[in-house]
Amino acid sequence: MKQKVAVLGAGSWGTALAKTLVENGHDVMIWGNHEKQIDEINEHHTNTHYLPDVKLPEALKGTLDLAACIADADAVLFVVPTKATREVAAKFAAVCQNKPVVIHASKGLEKDTHKRISVVLAEEIPADKRQDIVVLSGPSHAEEVAVRDVTTITAASENLASAEYVQSLFSNEYFRIYTNQDVIGVETGAALKNIIALGAGALHGLGFGDNAKAAIMTRGLAEISRLGVAMGADPLTFIGLSGVGDLIVTCTSVHSRNWRAGDLLGKGHKLDGILENMGMIVEGVSTTRAAYELAQEMGIEMPITQAIYDVLYNDVDVDDAIRAIMLRDYKSEQEFTFN
């Protein structure tokens, strides 16, 4: 069934998802706040800053007018940076005249509050201006989805019917959606894997090989699971698409801006210069602070996260951070998840 979908956020992931929705036969409008970018989408059917060499469907329309974008929408997809979610959600609530399904495809924890994105959306958007909130997450690079590379991700909602609605909205021959009702687990895995990707990139930048890559991914998954379960997640979620799946794709690919940022850190570049030259948000940097502070509050041990936090915020040398982890008290692997 053809649906009207508003996509809020014209970055790489928002554009790729909007393109997929148009190709599925839906009526799609994408909102952004940069006039030149929106003009390019409408006039040239490209978004070259984020997806070079990708031709967008002519049916995809861009707008600077948030109210026009969401008018009569059946579903509204938030794909804005974590730090902008609360502000955009409040603006959405102020102009929304109907009750769409709210979907989000961002990955992070809010600075200072440490809240998951679905919680932020629920706080800012009154219940009479939305149906259920659904999380769309999993192992996916926008660059690959945009060229129809085979991809599988998860739609998570406490209401299974809402997750199934999003599943039907997006699924096609190259983009397959699985449903899940563990919203906490899916969002936690999505946010925290960016921290581990920074570390994996740093190891590569330092010249370490596959052994080190396997170590940080495996022990990183232990940390993600430990914090996620303490927050109320199902531990099985972390061996699924939004857990180990997202961790693999983000820790092993040059498409990952978090991996690229970590790689540059390992090669001796300064964080400020990396972020300035990246041209896109590196969510793992702010998420590292939020996760570190949250773990401290909850009494959860996260040594890799702490090491990356020290590198980013305490000017600890990357080599020294690695050495500190390797010389920690010896542990049993049976302590994998909860200790």
C-alpha atoms as a PDB file:
ATOM      1  CA  MET A   1       0.000   0.000   0.000  1.00  0.00           C
ATOM      2  CA  LYS A   2       1.377   3.390  -0.997  1.00  0.00           C
ATOM      3  CA  GLN A   3       2.211   5.549   2.017  1.00  0.00           C
ATOM      4  CA  LYS A   4       3.190   9.168   2.466  1.00  0.00           C
ATOM      5  CA  VAL A   5       6.509   9.326   4.306  1.00  0.00           C
ATOM      6  CA  ALA A   6       8.408  12.372   5.585  1.00  0.00           C
ATOM      7  CA  VAL A   7      12.151  11.949   6.054  1.00  0.00           C
ATOM      8  CA  LEU A   8      13.714  14.458   8.443  1.00  0.00           C
ATOM      9  CA  GLY A   9      17.435  14.727   7.754  1.00  0.00           C
ATOM     10  CA  ALA A  10      19.121  14.892   4.345  1.00  0.00           C
ATOM     11  CA  GLY A  11      22.456  13.349   5.276  1.00  0.00           C
ATOM     12  CA  SER A  12      23.781  10.135   3.776  1.00  0.00           C
ATOM     13  CA  TRP A  13      21.543   7.742   5.716  1.00  0.00           C
ATOM     14  CA  GLY A  14      18.400   9.851   5.425  1.00  0.00           C
ATOM     15  CA  THR A  15      18.936  10.214   1.674  1.00  0.00           C
ATOM     16  CA  ALA A  16      19.609   6.506   1.169  1.00  0.00           C
ATOM     17  CA  LEU A  17      16.497   5.529   3.136  1.00  0.00           C
ATOM     18  CA  ALA A  18      14.390   8.099   1.276  1.00  0.00           C
ATOM     19  CA  LYS A  19      15.635   6.673  -2.035  1.00  0.00           C
ATOM     20  CA  THR A  20      14.667   3.173  -0.902  1.00  0.00           C
ATOM     21  CA  LEU A  21      11.182   4.302   0.092  1.00  0.00           C
ATOM     22  CA  VAL A  22      10.624   5.965  -3.291  1.00  0.00           C
ATOM     23  CA  GLU A  23      11.787   2.819  -5.044  1.00  0.00           C
ATOM     24  CA  ASN A  24       9.204   0.923  -2.982  1.00  0.00           C
ATOM     25  CA  GLY A  25       6.468   3.107  -4.492  1.00  0.00           C
ATOM     26  CA  HIS A  26       5.860   5.485  -1.593  1.00  0.00           C
ATOM     27  CA  ASP A  27       5.275   9.246  -1.728  1.00  0.00           C
ATOM     28  CA  VAL A  28       8.399  10.646  -0.051  1.00  0.00           C
ATOM     29  CA  MET A  29       9.549  14.137   0.886  1.00  0.00           C
ATOM     30  CA  ILE A  30      12.884  14.825   2.566  1.00  0.00           C
ATOM     31  CA  TRP A  31      13.499  17.791   4.860  1.00  0.00           C
ATOM     32  CA  GLY A  32      16.815  19.547   5.407  1.00  0.00           C
ATOM     33  CA  ASN A  33      18.042  22.930   6.578  1.00  0.00           C
ATOM     34  CA  HIS A  34      20.620  23.712   3.870  1.00  0.00           C
ATOM     35  CA  GLU A  35      19.094  25.495   0.890  1.00  0.00           C
ATOM     36  CA  LYS A  36      21.799  24.539  -1.610  1.00  0.00           C
ATOM     37  CA  GLN A  37      21.487  20.884  -0.692  1.00  0.00           C
ATOM     38  CA  ILE A  38      17.697  20.868  -1.050  1.00  0.00           C
ATOM     39  CA  ASP A  39      17.963  22.724  -4.372  1.00  0.00           C
ATOM     40  CA  GLU A  40      20.428  20.100  -5.586  1.00  0.00           C
ATOM     41  CA  ILE A  41      18.071  17.273  -4.636  1.00  0.00           C
ATOM     42  CA  ASN A  42      15.160  18.926  -6.462  1.00  0.00           C
ATOM     43  CA  GLU A  43      16.991  20.240  -9.528  1.00  0.00           C
ATOM     44  CA  HIS A  44      19.773  17.715 -10.141  1.00  0.00           C
ATOM     45  CA  HIS A  45      18.466  14.672  -8.233  1.00  0.00           C
ATOM     46  CA  THR A  46      21.779  14.231  -6.419  1.00  0.00           C
ATOM     47  CA  ASN A  47      23.209  14.828  -2.953  1.00  0.00           C
ATOM     48  CA  THR A  48      26.886  14.818  -3.823  1.00  0.00           C
ATOM     49  CA  HIS A  49      28.301  15.896  -0.466  1.00  0.00           C
ATOM     50  CA  TYR A  50      26.950  12.755   1.164  1.00  0.00           C
ATOM     51  CA  LEU A  51      26.385  10.282  -1.688  1.00  0.00           C
ATOM     52  CA  PRO A  52      28.628  11.160  -4.634  1.00  0.00           C
ATOM     53  CA  ASP A  53      27.886   9.358  -7.915  1.00  0.00           C
ATOM     54  CA  VAL A  54      24.398   8.317  -6.731  1.00  0.00           C
ATOM     55  CA  LYS A  55      21.418   9.401  -8.833  1.00  0.00           C
ATOM     56  CA  LEU A  56      18.267  10.006  -6.823  1.00  0.00           C
ATOM     57  CA  PRO A  57      14.739   9.323  -8.095  1.00  0.00           C
ATOM     58  CA  GLU A  58      13.036  12.339  -9.632  1.00  0.00           C
ATOM     59  CA  ALA A  59      10.006  11.537  -7.481  1.00  0.00           C
ATOM     60  CA  LEU A  60      11.994  12.331  -4.328  1.00  0.00           C
ATOM     61  CA  LYS A  61      11.280  15.936  -3.357  1.00  0.00           C
ATOM     62  CA  GLY A  62      13.227  18.058  -0.897  1.00  0.00           C
ATOM     63  CA  THR A  63      11.982  20.930   1.234  1.00  0.00           C
ATOM     64  CA  LEU A  64      13.143  23.437   3.830  1.00  0.00           C
ATOM     65  CA  ASP A  65       9.590  23.662   5.231  1.00  0.00           C
ATOM     66  CA  LEU A  66       9.129  21.182   8.064  1.00  0.00           C
ATOM     67  CA  ALA A  67       5.355  21.671   8.274  1.00  0.00           C
ATOM     68  CA  ALA A  68       4.950  21.031   4.534  1.00  0.00           C
ATOM     69  CA  CYS A  69       7.147  17.941   4.760  1.00  0.00           C
ATOM     70  CA  ILE A  70       5.125  16.232   7.494  1.00  0.00           C
ATOM     71  CA  ALA A  71       1.644  17.344   6.360  1.00  0.00           C
ATOM     72  CA  ASP A  72      -0.672  14.311   6.164  1.00  0.00           C
ATOM     73  CA  ALA A  73       2.292  11.908   6.487  1.00  0.00           C
ATOM     74  CA  ASP A  74       1.518   8.316   7.438  1.00  0.00           C
ATOM     75  CA  ALA A  75       5.041   7.933   8.801  1.00  0.00           C
ATOM     76  CA  VAL A  76       7.781  10.357   9.801  1.00  0.00           C
ATOM     77  CA  LEU A  77      11.378   9.130   9.781  1.00  0.00           C
ATOM     78  CA  PHE A  78      13.892  10.996  11.964  1.00  0.00           C
ATOM     79  CA  VAL A  79      17.449  10.694  10.635  1.00  0.00           C
ATOM     80  CA  VAL A  80      19.101  13.689  12.271  1.00  0.00           C
ATOM     81  CA  PRO A  81      22.235  13.720  14.462  1.00  0.00           C
ATOM     82  CA  THR A  82      21.630  12.703  18.059  1.00  0.00           C
ATOM     83  CA  LYS A  83      22.459  16.183  19.330  1.00  0.00           C
ATOM     84  CA  ALA A  84      19.712  17.669  17.115  1.00  0.00           C
ATOM     85  CA  THR A  85      16.992  15.106  17.872  1.00  0.00           C
ATOM     86  CA  ARG A  86      15.312  16.902  20.764  1.00  0.00           C
ATOM     87  CA  GLU A  87      15.222  20.247  18.941  1.00  0.00           C
ATOM     88  CA  VAL A  88      13.820  18.771  15.719  1.00  0.00           C
ATOM     89  CA  ALA A  89      11.290  16.683  17.643  1.00  0.00           C
ATOM     90  CA  ALA A  90      10.027  19.785  19.444  1.00  0.00           C
ATOM     91  CA  LYS A  91       9.668  21.625  16.129  1.00  0.00           C
ATOM     92  CA  PHE A  92       7.845  18.623  14.688  1.00  0.00           C
ATOM     93  CA  ALA A  93       5.415  18.566  17.622  1.00  0.00           C
ATOM     94  CA  ALA A  94       4.715  22.267  17.221  1.00  0.00           C
ATOM     95  CA  VAL A  95       3.532  21.931  13.601  1.00  0.00           C
ATOM     96  CA  CYS A  96       2.189  18.351  13.422  1.00  0.00           C
ATOM     97  CA  GLN A  97      -1.519  18.223  12.589  1.00  0.00           C
ATOM     98  CA  ASN A  98      -2.036  14.461  12.413  1.00  0.00           C
ATOM     99  CA  LYS A  99      -0.810  11.292  14.153  1.00  0.00           C
ATOM    100  CA  PRO A 100       1.888   9.510  12.103  1.00  0.00           C
ATOM    101  CA  VAL A 101       4.025   6.533  13.036  1.00  0.00           C
ATOM    102  CA  VAL A 102       7.347   7.963  14.235  1.00  0.00           C
ATOM    103  CA  ILE A 103      10.466   6.083  13.135  1.00  0.00           C
ATOM    104  CA  HIS A 104      14.055   6.925  13.926  1.00  0.00           C
ATOM    105  CA  ALA A 105      17.252   5.656  12.320  1.00  0.00           C
ATOM    106  CA  SER A 106      19.863   7.576  14.321  1.00  0.00           C
ATOM    107  CA  LYS A 107      22.443   5.956  16.604  1.00  0.00           C
ATOM    108  CA  GLY A 108      23.595   7.558  19.829  1.00  0.00           C
ATOM    109  CA  LEU A 109      22.852   8.633  23.390  1.00  0.00           C
ATOM    110  CA  GLU A 110      21.854  12.181  24.262  1.00  0.00           C
ATOM    111  CA  LYS A 111      24.604  14.262  25.816  1.00  0.00           C
ATOM    112  CA  ASP A 112      24.189  15.005  29.546  1.00  0.00           C
ATOM    113  CA  THR A 113      20.903  13.089  29.961  1.00  0.00           C
ATOM    114  CA  HIS A 114      22.366   9.846  28.479  1.00  0.00           C
ATOM    115  CA  LYS A 115      18.879   9.014  27.195  1.00  0.00           C
ATOM    116  CA  ARG A 116      18.135   6.781  24.231  1.00  0.00           C
ATOM    117  CA  ILE A 117      16.731   8.508  21.158  1.00  0.00           C
ATOM    118  CA  SER A 118      13.285   6.913  21.422  1.00  0.00           C
ATOM    119  CA  VAL A 119      13.007   8.288  24.962  1.00  0.00           C
ATOM    120  CA  VAL A 120      13.891  11.784  23.734  1.00  0.00           C
ATOM    121  CA  LEU A 121      11.272  11.518  20.985  1.00  0.00           C
ATOM    122  CA  ALA A 122       8.627  10.330  23.442  1.00  0.00           C
ATOM    123  CA  GLU A 123       9.379  13.238  25.762  1.00  0.00           C
ATOM    124  CA  GLU A 124       9.142  15.877  23.030  1.00  0.00           C
ATOM    125  CA  ILE A 125       6.272  14.525  20.909  1.00  0.00           C
ATOM    126  CA  PRO A 126       2.940  14.260  22.765  1.00  0.00           C
ATOM    127  CA  ALA A 127       1.054  10.984  22.436  1.00  0.00           C
ATOM    128  CA  ASP A 128      -1.769  12.700  20.541  1.00  0.00           C
ATOM    129  CA  LYS A 129       0.680  13.680  17.777  1.00  0.00           C
ATOM    130  CA  ARG A 130       2.201  10.277  17.123  1.00  0.00           C
ATOM    131  CA  GLN A 131       1.485   6.609  17.007  1.00  0.00           C
ATOM    132  CA  ASP A 132       4.162   4.196  18.188  1.00  0.00           C
ATOM    133  CA  ILE A 133       7.869   4.977  18.005  1.00  0.00           C
ATOM    134  CA  VAL A 134       9.855   2.456  15.970  1.00  0.00           C
ATOM    135  CA  VAL A 135      13.647   2.108  15.873  1.00  0.00           C
ATOM    136  CA  LEU A 136      15.254   1.244  12.520  1.00  0.00           C
ATOM    137  CA  SER A 137      18.787  -0.019  13.054  1.00  0.00           C
ATOM    138  CA  GLY A 138      21.374  -2.586  12.053  1.00  0.00           C
ATOM    139  CA  PRO A 139      24.484  -3.241   9.955  1.00  0.00           C
ATOM    140  CA  SER A 140      24.126  -0.780   7.104  1.00  0.00           C
ATOM    141  CA  HIS A 141      26.264   1.702   5.227  1.00  0.00           C
ATOM    142  CA  ALA A 142      24.279   4.370   3.394  1.00  0.00           C
ATOM    143  CA  GLU A 143      26.735   4.183   0.489  1.00  0.00           C
ATOM    144  CA  GLU A 144      25.850   0.528  -0.071  1.00  0.00           C
ATOM    145  CA  VAL A 145      22.097   0.811   0.457  1.00  0.00           C
ATOM    146  CA  ALA A 146      22.022   3.679  -2.054  1.00  0.00           C
ATOM    147  CA  VAL A 147      23.406   1.369  -4.767  1.00  0.00           C
ATOM    148  CA  ARG A 148      21.082  -1.496  -3.784  1.00  0.00           C
ATOM    149  CA  ASP A 149      23.654  -3.679  -2.067  1.00  0.00           C
ATOM    150  CA  VAL A 150      22.026  -6.507  -0.094  1.00  0.00           C
ATOM    151  CA  THR A 151      21.317  -5.272   3.467  1.00  0.00           C
ATOM    152  CA  THR A 152      19.413  -6.632   6.474  1.00  0.00           C
ATOM    153  CA  ILE A 153      18.462  -4.521   9.500  1.00  0.00           C
ATOM    154  CA  THR A 154      15.940  -4.435  12.350  1.00  0.00           C
ATOM    155  CA  ALA A 155      12.700  -2.574  13.068  1.00  0.00           C
ATOM    156  CA  ALA A 156      12.128  -2.521  16.825  1.00  0.00           C
ATOM    157  CA  SER A 157       9.024  -1.503  18.739  1.00  0.00           C
ATOM    158  CA  GLU A 158       7.308  -2.719  21.866  1.00  0.00           C
ATOM    159  CA  ASN A 159       4.213  -2.959  19.644  1.00  0.00           C
ATOM    160  CA  LEU A 160       4.929  -5.751  17.161  1.00  0.00           C
ATOM    161  CA  ALA A 161       2.298  -4.482  14.719  1.00  0.00           C
ATOM    162  CA  SER A 162       4.145  -1.168  14.426  1.00  0.00           C
ATOM    163  CA  ALA A 163       7.448  -2.945  13.793  1.00  0.00           C
ATOM    164  CA  GLU A 164       5.736  -5.024  11.112  1.00  0.00           C
ATOM    165  CA  TYR A 165       4.365  -1.842   9.509  1.00  0.00           C
ATOM    166  CA  VAL A 166       7.895  -0.459   9.197  1.00  0.00           C
ATOM    167  CA  GLN A 167       9.060  -3.843   7.943  1.00  0.00           C
ATOM    168  CA  SER A 168       6.529  -3.706   5.116  1.00  0.00           C
ATOM    169  CA  LEU A 169       7.333  -0.046   4.402  1.00  0.00           C
ATOM    170  CA  PHE A 170      11.015  -0.620   3.703  1.00  0.00           C
ATOM    171  CA  SER A 171      11.487  -4.254   2.671  1.00  0.00           C
ATOM    172  CA  ASN A 172      12.313  -5.163  -0.929  1.00  0.00           C
ATOM    173  CA  GLU A 173      14.631  -7.444  -2.900  1.00  0.00           C
ATOM    174  CA  TYR A 174      17.821  -5.780  -1.618  1.00  0.00           C
ATOM    175  CA  PHE A 175      16.713  -4.317   1.729  1.00  0.00           C
ATOM    176  CA  ARG A 176      15.300  -6.827   4.226  1.00  0.00           C
ATOM    177  CA  ILE A 177      13.867  -5.822   7.610  1.00  0.00           C
ATOM    178  CA  TYR A 178      13.486  -8.131  10.617  1.00  0.00           C
ATOM    179  CA  THR A 179      11.255  -7.234  13.573  1.00  0.00           C
ATOM    180  CA  ASN A 180      12.252  -7.065  17.228  1.00  0.00           C
ATOM    181  CA  GLN A 181      10.459  -5.916  20.385  1.00  0.00           C
ATOM    182  CA  ASP A 182      13.588  -5.183  22.428  1.00  0.00           C
ATOM    183  CA  VAL A 183      13.862  -1.427  21.855  1.00  0.00           C
ATOM    184  CA  ILE A 184      16.411  -0.948  24.644  1.00  0.00           C
ATOM    185  CA  GLY A 185      18.736  -3.602  23.243  1.00  0.00           C
ATOM    186  CA  VAL A 186      18.500  -2.415  19.658  1.00  0.00           C
ATOM    187  CA  GLU A 187      19.165   1.231  20.552  1.00  0.00           C
ATOM    188  CA  THR A 188      21.961   0.401  22.982  1.00  0.00           C
ATOM    189  CA  GLY A 189      23.764  -1.810  20.479  1.00  0.00           C
ATOM    190  CA  ALA A 190      23.382   0.847  17.783  1.00  0.00           C
ATOM    191  CA  ALA A 191      24.841   3.590  19.951  1.00  0.00           C
ATOM    192  CA  LEU A 192      27.680   1.784  21.677  1.00  0.00           C
ATOM    193  CA  LYS A 193      29.139   0.027  18.646  1.00  0.00           C
ATOM    194  CA  ASN A 194      30.348   3.435  17.441  1.00  0.00           C
ATOM    195  CA  ILE A 195      32.643   3.615  20.480  1.00  0.00           C
ATOM    196  CA  ILE A 196      34.199   0.259  19.667  1.00  0.00           C
ATOM    197  CA  ALA A 197      34.582   1.306  16.026  1.00  0.00           C
ATOM    198  CA  LEU A 198      36.700   4.266  17.148  1.00  0.00           C
ATOM    199  CA  GLY A 199      38.930   1.824  18.994  1.00  0.00           C
ATOM    200  CA  ALA A 200      39.114  -0.592  16.075  1.00  0.00           C
ATOM    201  CA  GLY A 201      40.110   2.240  13.777  1.00  0.00           C
ATOM    202  CA  ALA A 202      42.782   3.402  16.226  1.00  0.00           C
ATOM    203  CA  LEU A 203      44.274  -0.096  16.336  1.00  0.00           C
ATOM    204  CA  HIS A 204      44.450  -0.107  12.544  1.00  0.00           C
ATOM    205  CA  GLY A 205      46.042   3.315  12.514  1.00  0.00           C
ATOM    206  CA  LEU A 206      48.702   2.053  14.926  1.00  0.00           C
ATOM    207  CA  GLY A 207      49.453  -0.871  12.621  1.00  0.00           C
ATOM    208  CA  PHE A 208      47.918  -3.706  14.624  1.00  0.00           C
ATOM    209  CA  GLY A 209      46.429  -6.658  12.740  1.00  0.00           C
ATOM    210  CA  ASP A 210      43.500  -9.047  12.789  1.00  0.00           C
ATOM    211  CA  ASN A 211      44.203 -10.466  16.253  1.00  0.00           C
ATOM    212  CA  ALA A 212      43.753  -7.039  17.809  1.00  0.00           C
ATOM    213  CA  LYS A 213      40.656  -6.389  15.677  1.00  0.00           C
ATOM    214  CA  ALA A 214      39.050  -9.615  16.909  1.00  0.00           C
ATOM    215  CA  ALA A 215      39.969  -8.790  20.490  1.00  0.00           C
ATOM    216  CA  ILE A 216      38.424  -5.324  20.580  1.00  0.00           C
ATOM    217  CA  MET A 217      35.260  -6.432  18.769  1.00  0.00           C
ATOM    218  CA  THR A 218      34.687  -9.435  21.040  1.00  0.00           C
ATOM    219  CA  ARG A 219      35.474  -7.692  24.284  1.00  0.00           C
ATOM    220  CA  GLY A 220      33.654  -4.613  23.036  1.00  0.00           C
ATOM    221  CA  LEU A 221      30.551  -6.721  22.551  1.00  0.00           C
ATOM    222  CA  ALA A 222      30.923  -7.867  26.162  1.00  0.00           C
ATOM    223  CA  GLU A 223      30.852  -4.234  27.306  1.00  0.00           C
ATOM    224  CA  ILE A 224      27.876  -3.370  25.126  1.00  0.00           C
ATOM    225  CA  SER A 225      25.972  -6.373  26.477  1.00  0.00           C
ATOM    226  CA  ARG A 226      26.919  -5.605  30.066  1.00  0.00           C
ATOM    227  CA  LEU A 227      25.584  -2.056  29.976  1.00  0.00           C
ATOM    228  CA  GLY A 228      22.589  -2.936  27.796  1.00  0.00           C
ATOM    229  CA  VAL A 229      21.403  -5.738  30.062  1.00  0.00           C
ATOM    230  CA  ALA A 230      21.787  -3.474  33.103  1.00  0.00           C
ATOM    231  CA  MET A 231      19.505  -1.008  31.305  1.00  0.00           C
ATOM    232  CA  GLY A 232      16.893  -3.719  30.737  1.00  0.00           C
ATOM    233  CA  ALA A 233      17.807  -5.205  27.345  1.00  0.00           C
ATOM    234  CA  ASP A 234      17.450  -8.841  26.313  1.00  0.00           C
ATOM    235  CA  PRO A 235      21.001 -10.271  26.097  1.00  0.00           C
ATOM    236  CA  LEU A 236      20.076 -12.222  22.959  1.00  0.00           C
ATOM    237  CA  THR A 237      19.604  -8.954  21.066  1.00  0.00           C
ATOM    238  CA  PHE A 238      23.358  -8.391  21.147  1.00  0.00           C
ATOM    239  CA  ILE A 239      24.077 -11.493  19.065  1.00  0.00           C
ATOM    240  CA  GLY A 240      21.662 -10.247  16.383  1.00  0.00           C
ATOM    241  CA  LEU A 241      21.731  -7.672  13.616  1.00  0.00           C
ATOM    242  CA  SER A 242      21.748  -4.598  15.848  1.00  0.00           C
ATOM    243  CA  GLY A 243      24.406  -6.108  18.102  1.00  0.00           C
ATOM    244  CA  VAL A 244      27.211  -8.165  16.617  1.00  0.00           C
ATOM    245  CA  GLY A 245      26.005  -7.438  13.073  1.00  0.00           C
ATOM    246  CA  ASP A 246      26.262  -3.673  13.439  1.00  0.00           C
ATOM    247  CA  LEU A 247      29.524  -4.063  15.345  1.00  0.00           C
ATOM    248  CA  ILE A 248      31.129  -6.029  12.490  1.00  0.00           C
ATOM    249  CA  VAL A 249      30.138  -3.604   9.752  1.00  0.00           C
ATOM    250  CA  THR A 250      31.167  -0.516  11.724  1.00  0.00           C
ATOM    251  CA  CYS A 251      34.497  -1.883  12.973  1.00  0.00           C
ATOM    252  CA  THR A 252      35.755  -3.221   9.650  1.00  0.00           C
ATOM    253  CA  SER A 253      34.855  -0.751   6.922  1.00  0.00           C
ATOM    254  CA  VAL A 254      36.292   2.465   5.515  1.00  0.00           C
ATOM    255  CA  HIS A 255      32.670   3.544   5.000  1.00  0.00           C
ATOM    256  CA  SER A 256      32.410   3.950   8.789  1.00  0.00           C
ATOM    257  CA  ARG A 257      33.219   7.519   9.785  1.00  0.00           C
ATOM    258  CA  ASN A 258      33.819   6.309  13.359  1.00  0.00           C
ATOM    259  CA  TRP A 259      36.400   3.790  12.121  1.00  0.00           C
ATOM    260  CA  ARG A 260      38.010   6.456   9.934  1.00  0.00           C
ATOM    261  CA  ALA A 261      38.196   8.890  12.844  1.00  0.00           C
ATOM    262  CA  GLY A 262      39.786   6.222  15.032  1.00  0.00           C
ATOM    263  CA  ASP A 263      42.251   5.331  12.287  1.00  0.00           C
ATOM    264  CA  LEU A 264      43.407   8.949  12.141  1.00  0.00           C
ATOM    265  CA  LEU A 265      43.720   9.067  15.934  1.00  0.00           C
ATOM    266  CA  GLY A 266      45.927   5.995  15.786  1.00  0.00           C
ATOM    267  CA  LYS A 267      48.078   7.711  13.174  1.00  0.00           C
ATOM    268  CA  GLY A 268      48.667  10.640  15.505  1.00  0.00           C
ATOM    269  CA  HIS A 269      46.142  13.199  14.265  1.00  0.00           C
ATOM    270  CA  LYS A 270      44.413  15.459  16.793  1.00  0.00           C
ATOM    271  CA  LEU A 271      40.718  15.004  17.475  1.00  0.00           C
ATOM    272  CA  ASP A 272      39.715  18.594  16.706  1.00  0.00           C
ATOM    273  CA  GLY A 273      41.329  18.447  13.276  1.00  0.00           C
ATOM    274  CA  ILE A 274      39.774  15.062  12.522  1.00  0.00           C
ATOM    275  CA  LEU A 275      36.269  16.278  13.324  1.00  0.00           C
ATOM    276  CA  GLU A 276      36.771  19.512  11.406  1.00  0.00           C
ATOM    277  CA  ASN A 277      37.893  17.700   8.261  1.00  0.00           C
ATOM    278  CA  MET A 278      35.466  14.777   8.420  1.00  0.00           C
ATOM    279  CA  GLY A 279      32.555  16.806   7.058  1.00  0.00           C
ATOM    280  CA  MET A 280      30.032  14.575   8.830  1.00  0.00           C
ATOM    281  CA  ILE A 281      29.024  13.877  12.418  1.00  0.00           C
ATOM    282  CA  VAL A 282      31.163  11.251  14.191  1.00  0.00           C
ATOM    283  CA  GLU A 283      28.567  10.006  16.669  1.00  0.00           C
ATOM    284  CA  GLY A 284      31.012   7.796  18.554  1.00  0.00           C
ATOM    285  CA  VAL A 285      32.859  10.781  20.029  1.00  0.00           C
ATOM    286  CA  SER A 286      29.908  12.179  21.972  1.00  0.00           C
ATOM    287  CA  THR A 287      28.529   8.688  22.646  1.00  0.00           C
ATOM    288  CA  THR A 288      31.814   7.726  24.322  1.00  0.00           C
ATOM    289  CA  ARG A 289      31.345  10.499  26.880  1.00  0.00           C
ATOM    290  CA  ALA A 290      27.674   9.642  27.433  1.00  0.00           C
ATOM    291  CA  ALA A 291      28.339   5.902  27.802  1.00  0.00           C
ATOM    292  CA  TYR A 292      31.327   6.461  30.103  1.00  0.00           C
ATOM    293  CA  GLU A 293      29.301   8.762  32.366  1.00  0.00           C
ATOM    294  CA  LEU A 294      26.322   6.389  32.327  1.00  0.00           C
ATOM    295  CA  ALA A 295      28.526   3.404  33.198  1.00  0.00           C
ATOM    296  CA  GLN A 296      30.018   5.374  36.104  1.00  0.00           C
ATOM    297  CA  GLU A 297      26.540   6.215  37.369  1.00  0.00           C
ATOM    298  CA  MET A 298      25.387   2.588  37.133  1.00  0.00           C
ATOM    299  CA  GLY A 299      28.586   0.989  38.407  1.00  0.00           C
ATOM    300  CA  ILE A 300      29.167  -0.964  35.188  1.00  0.00           C
ATOM    301  CA  GLU A 301      32.731  -1.903  34.215  1.00  0.00           C
ATOM    302  CA  MET A 302      33.576  -0.819  30.653  1.00  0.00           C
ATOM    303  CA  PRO A 303      37.387  -0.753  30.302  1.00  0.00           C
ATOM    304  CA  ILE A 304      37.507  -0.269  26.512  1.00  0.00           C
ATOM    305  CA  THR A 305      35.028   2.588  26.689  1.00  0.00           C
ATOM    306  CA  GLN A 306      37.020   4.133  29.527  1.00  0.00           C
ATOM    307  CA  ALA A 307      40.253   3.830  27.542  1.00  0.00           C
ATOM    308  CA  ILE A 308      38.713   5.508  24.487  1.00  0.00           C
ATOM    309  CA  TYR A 309      37.216   8.188  26.740  1.00  0.00           C
ATOM    310  CA  ASP A 310      40.681   8.859  28.178  1.00  0.00           C
ATOM    311  CA  VAL A 311      42.158   9.201  24.683  1.00  0.00           C
ATOM    312  CA  LEU A 312      39.392  11.549  23.513  1.00  0.00           C
ATOM    313  CA  TYR A 313      38.907  13.678  26.606  1.00  0.00           C
ATOM    314  CA  ASN A 314      41.975  13.282  28.844  1.00  0.00           C
ATOM    315  CA  ASP A 315      44.720  13.434  26.191  1.00  0.00           C
ATOM    316  CA  VAL A 316      45.970   9.947  27.049  1.00  0.00           C
ATOM    317  CA  ASP A 317      48.268   8.512  24.376  1.00  0.00           C
ATOM    318  CA  VAL A 318      46.626   5.694  22.399  1.00  0.00           C
ATOM    319  CA  ASP A 319      49.578   3.339  23.039  1.00  0.00           C
ATOM    320  CA  ASP A 320      49.352   3.986  26.764  1.00  0.00           C
ATOM    321  CA  ALA A 321      45.605   3.318  26.726  1.00  0.00           C
ATOM    322  CA  ILE A 322      46.133  -0.042  24.997  1.00  0.00           C
ATOM    323  CA  ARG A 323      48.867  -1.000  27.439  1.00  0.00           C
ATOM    324  CA  ALA A 324      46.599  -0.165  30.388  1.00  0.00           C
ATOM    325  CA  ILE A 325      43.895  -2.487  29.059  1.00  0.00           C
ATOM    326  CA  MET A 326      46.318  -5.342  28.401  1.00  0.00           C
ATOM    327  CA  LEU A 327      47.776  -5.106  31.929  1.00  0.00           C
ATOM    328  CA  ARG A 328      44.432  -5.082  33.747  1.00  0.00           C
ATOM    329  CA  ASP A 329      43.733  -7.757  36.366  1.00  0.00           C
ATOM    330  CA  TYR A 330      43.270 -11.156  34.756  1.00  0.00           C
ATOM    331  CA  LYS A 331      39.680 -12.285  34.180  1.00  0.00           C
ATOM    332  CA  SER A 332      37.704 -15.366  33.206  1.00  0.00           C
ATOM    333  CA  GLU A 333      35.889 -15.237  29.881  1.00  0.00           C
ATOM    334  CA  GLN A 334      32.842 -16.570  31.713  1.00  0.00           C
ATOM    335  CA  GLU A 335      32.558 -13.005  33.021  1.00  0.00           C
ATOM    336  CA  PHE A 336      31.750 -12.057  29.397  1.00  0.00           C
ATOM    337  CA  THR A 337      28.440 -10.334  29.913  1.00  0.00           C
ATOM    338  CA  PHE A 338      27.507  -9.368  33.410  1.00  0.00           C
ATOM    339  CA  ASN A 339      30.672  -8.784  35.478  1.00  0.00           C
END
